[in-house]
Amino acid sequence: MVKFRVIAPSEEKIIRKDISSKFGPNIFENIQKNYQLIVAEGKLKSIFLVPLQIVEIFNQIKEKESPSFIGIHFGDLLKKQFKFQIAALEFISEHTEKNVILTGKGEQTALYGKNIPLKLIKKVETRIKKDEFVILRNELKESIALGRFLNDSEDLSKITNPNKIIIKIIMDLGEYLRKER
């Protein structure tokens, strides 16, 4: 049976540190202005992002009844490591500049879990250093994947091969569709 509870400070610290190291300072704090993290503890520790109005209701009923589900699955705590769920990227992308806009073909490539060459990048929103994490977005600015930049973004104009892989896909929205088969 899964039991829901408010996140402990030590668990919150792990998540804050992970988000800050990947996407910059204050991202976690900005998300927490409108949401609270709730832990669903069973075989795993799943972390849910819950609107503050729903948390108020949860706090009123938690002693009498345990919900079946609450909020948006933000990620999982595995020992002392946080593993994002793809839904988390949409919330993080609103508070970071580490976003890359892909072309239509780039979106399709990312959704198939394939790495992204230079020619499929439409726009890099800020300077990104080699090995930094980026959120890949389609032309509608929907978050579709998490990737790692393989070059410094300032060097992109010097690259002559448009097929050179620039972003390694870490996770993508299409992964969920491929798993369902």
Protein backbone atom coordinates (compact mmCIF):
# COMPACT_ATOMS: atom_id res chain seq x y z
CA MET A 1 0.00 0.00 0.00
CA VAL A 2 1.20 3.50 -0.86
CA LYS A 3 1.23 6.10 1.87
CA PHE A 4 1.34 9.82 1.04
CA ARG A 5 3.15 12.33 3.23
CA VAL A 6 4.74 15.77 3.10
CA ILE A 7 8.36 15.65 1.95
CA ALA A 8 11.08 15.64 4.63
CA PRO A 9 13.68 18.45 4.62
CA SER A 10 16.50 15.96 3.89
CA GLU A 11 14.62 14.64 0.83
CA GLU A 12 13.81 18.16 -0.35
CA LYS A 13 17.51 19.06 -0.08
CA ILE A 14 18.46 16.20 -2.47
CA ILE A 15 15.93 17.40 -5.05
CA ARG A 16 16.90 21.07 -4.69
CA LYS A 17 20.59 20.23 -5.13
CA ASP A 18 19.92 18.09 -8.22
CA ILE A 19 17.74 20.72 -9.93
CA SER A 20 20.18 23.53 -9.08
CA SER A 21 23.19 21.63 -10.37
CA LYS A 22 21.47 20.89 -13.69
CA PHE A 23 19.46 24.04 -14.37
CA GLY A 24 20.73 26.84 -12.14
CA PRO A 25 19.97 28.41 -8.76
CA ASN A 26 16.48 29.32 -7.51
CA ILE A 27 14.65 27.05 -9.98
CA PHE A 28 13.36 24.82 -7.18
CA GLU A 29 12.32 27.82 -5.07
CA ASN A 30 10.37 29.30 -8.01
CA ILE A 31 8.48 26.04 -8.53
CA GLN A 32 7.68 25.87 -4.81
CA LYS A 33 5.88 29.23 -4.91
CA ASN A 34 2.81 27.45 -6.32
CA TYR A 35 3.44 23.79 -5.52
CA GLN A 36 4.46 21.53 -2.68
CA LEU A 37 6.19 18.18 -2.93
CA ILE A 38 4.33 15.16 -1.57
CA VAL A 39 5.98 11.75 -1.21
CA ALA A 40 4.17 8.54 -2.13
CA GLU A 41 6.01 5.89 -0.19
CA GLY A 42 5.69 2.25 -1.22
CA LYS A 43 8.30 0.14 -2.99
CA LEU A 44 9.68 3.43 -4.34
CA LYS A 45 9.64 6.97 -3.02
CA SER A 46 7.76 8.80 -5.74
CA ILE A 47 7.66 12.57 -5.58
CA PHE A 48 4.53 14.44 -6.68
CA LEU A 49 4.17 18.13 -7.42
CA VAL A 50 0.89 19.25 -5.88
CA PRO A 51 -0.85 22.65 -6.19
CA LEU A 52 -1.06 24.42 -2.82
CA GLN A 53 -4.91 24.39 -2.83
CA ILE A 54 -4.87 20.59 -3.15
CA VAL A 55 -2.28 20.31 -0.34
CA GLU A 56 -4.73 22.09 1.97
CA ILE A 57 -7.37 19.43 1.21
CA PHE A 58 -4.77 16.66 1.56
CA ASN A 59 -3.79 17.95 5.02
CA GLN A 60 -7.44 17.91 6.12
CA ILE A 61 -8.11 14.30 5.04
CA LYS A 62 -4.72 12.55 5.35
CA GLU A 63 -5.43 11.12 8.81
CA LYS A 64 -8.76 9.60 7.74
CA GLU A 65 -8.11 8.67 4.14
CA SER A 66 -5.14 8.16 1.85
CA PRO A 67 -5.61 9.27 -1.75
CA SER A 68 -4.96 6.90 -4.65
CA PHE A 69 -3.11 9.59 -6.55
CA ILE A 70 -2.18 13.23 -6.00
CA GLY A 71 -0.60 15.84 -8.26
CA ILE A 72 1.91 15.38 -11.05
CA HIS A 73 4.62 12.72 -10.88
CA PHE A 74 7.75 14.89 -10.60
CA GLY A 75 10.31 12.11 -10.05
CA ASP A 76 11.58 9.36 -7.80
CA LEU A 77 14.07 9.30 -4.93
CA LEU A 78 16.42 6.36 -5.29
CA LYS A 79 18.62 6.22 -2.18
CA LYS A 80 20.19 9.71 -2.20
CA GLN A 81 19.60 10.45 -5.87
CA PHE A 82 16.69 12.13 -7.62
CA LYS A 83 15.46 10.82 -10.98
CA PHE A 84 13.23 13.21 -12.92
CA GLN A 85 10.07 12.18 -14.65
CA ILE A 86 9.48 13.76 -18.05
CA ALA A 87 6.56 15.84 -16.64
CA ALA A 88 9.00 17.70 -14.37
CA LEU A 89 10.70 19.30 -17.37
CA GLU A 90 7.69 21.45 -18.22
CA PHE A 91 7.77 23.05 -14.75
CA ILE A 92 11.55 23.47 -14.75
CA SER A 93 11.63 24.92 -18.29
CA GLU A 94 9.45 27.84 -17.17
CA HIS A 95 12.18 28.95 -14.73
CA THR A 96 15.42 28.25 -16.60
CA GLU A 97 17.05 29.60 -19.74
CA LYS A 98 18.68 26.24 -20.48
CA ASN A 99 16.19 25.54 -23.25
CA VAL A 100 16.83 24.56 -26.85
CA ILE A 101 14.14 24.95 -29.50
CA LEU A 102 14.16 22.22 -32.14
CA THR A 103 12.86 22.23 -35.70
CA GLY A 104 9.89 20.04 -36.57
CA LYS A 105 12.25 17.30 -37.75
CA GLY A 106 14.29 17.83 -34.57
CA GLU A 107 11.19 17.27 -32.45
CA GLN A 108 10.48 14.00 -34.25
CA THR A 109 14.11 12.91 -33.83
CA ALA A 110 14.05 13.65 -30.10
CA LEU A 111 10.75 11.81 -29.63
CA TYR A 112 12.34 8.72 -31.19
CA GLY A 113 15.11 8.98 -28.57
CA LYS A 114 17.79 9.81 -31.12
CA ASN A 115 20.57 12.33 -30.54
CA ILE A 116 20.22 15.78 -32.10
CA PRO A 117 22.54 17.05 -34.87
CA LEU A 118 23.26 20.75 -35.42
CA LYS A 119 20.90 21.09 -38.40
CA LEU A 120 17.86 20.23 -36.24
CA ILE A 121 18.47 23.00 -33.69
CA LYS A 122 16.38 26.10 -34.33
CA LYS A 123 17.45 28.22 -31.33
CA VAL A 124 19.61 28.00 -28.23
CA GLU A 125 18.09 30.37 -25.67
CA THR A 126 21.24 31.13 -23.68
CA ARG A 127 24.90 30.21 -23.57
CA ILE A 128 25.24 26.54 -22.74
CA LYS A 129 28.56 24.97 -21.83
CA LYS A 130 29.71 21.54 -22.86
CA ASP A 131 28.17 18.74 -20.73
CA GLU A 132 25.39 20.95 -19.32
CA PHE A 133 21.83 19.66 -19.26
CA VAL A 134 19.23 21.30 -21.51
CA ILE A 135 15.50 21.00 -21.93
CA LEU A 136 14.53 20.37 -25.52
CA ARG A 137 11.35 22.08 -26.67
CA ASN A 138 9.36 21.97 -29.86
CA GLU A 139 8.36 25.05 -31.86
CA LEU A 140 5.27 25.43 -29.64
CA LYS A 141 7.68 25.58 -26.67
CA GLU A 142 6.40 22.31 -25.17
CA SER A 143 9.09 20.41 -23.26
CA ILE A 144 9.74 17.11 -25.02
CA ALA A 145 13.13 15.86 -23.84
CA LEU A 146 16.12 16.24 -21.54
CA GLY A 147 19.52 16.29 -23.17
CA ARG A 148 23.18 16.94 -22.55
CA PHE A 149 25.03 19.48 -24.69
CA LEU A 150 28.15 17.96 -26.28
CA ASN A 151 29.73 21.29 -27.33
CA ASP A 152 29.87 24.81 -25.97
CA SER A 153 27.02 26.76 -27.61
CA GLU A 154 29.42 29.61 -28.46
CA ASP A 155 31.28 27.19 -30.76
CA LEU A 156 28.22 26.13 -32.79
CA SER A 157 28.81 28.73 -35.51
CA LYS A 158 32.28 27.25 -36.11
CA ILE A 159 30.95 23.76 -36.83
CA THR A 160 30.89 23.07 -40.57
CA ASN A 161 29.21 19.65 -40.51
CA PRO A 162 25.42 20.12 -40.05
CA ASN A 163 25.12 16.40 -39.14
CA LYS A 164 27.45 16.68 -36.13
CA ILE A 165 25.66 15.48 -32.99
CA ILE A 166 25.28 18.39 -30.57
CA ILE A 167 22.80 17.05 -28.00
CA LYS A 168 22.70 13.59 -26.44
CA ILE A 169 19.16 12.60 -25.45
CA ILE A 170 18.85 11.54 -21.79
CA MET A 171 15.06 11.06 -21.67
CA ASP A 172 12.23 11.94 -23.99
CA LEU A 173 8.45 12.06 -24.09
CA GLY A 174 8.36 9.37 -26.79
CA GLU A 175 9.93 6.90 -24.33
CA TYR A 176 6.53 6.51 -22.66
CA LEU A 177 4.85 5.73 -25.97
CA ARG A 178 7.53 3.19 -26.92
CA LYS A 179 7.20 1.42 -23.52
CA GLU A 180 3.43 0.96 -23.92
CA ARG A 181 3.83 -1.33 -26.92
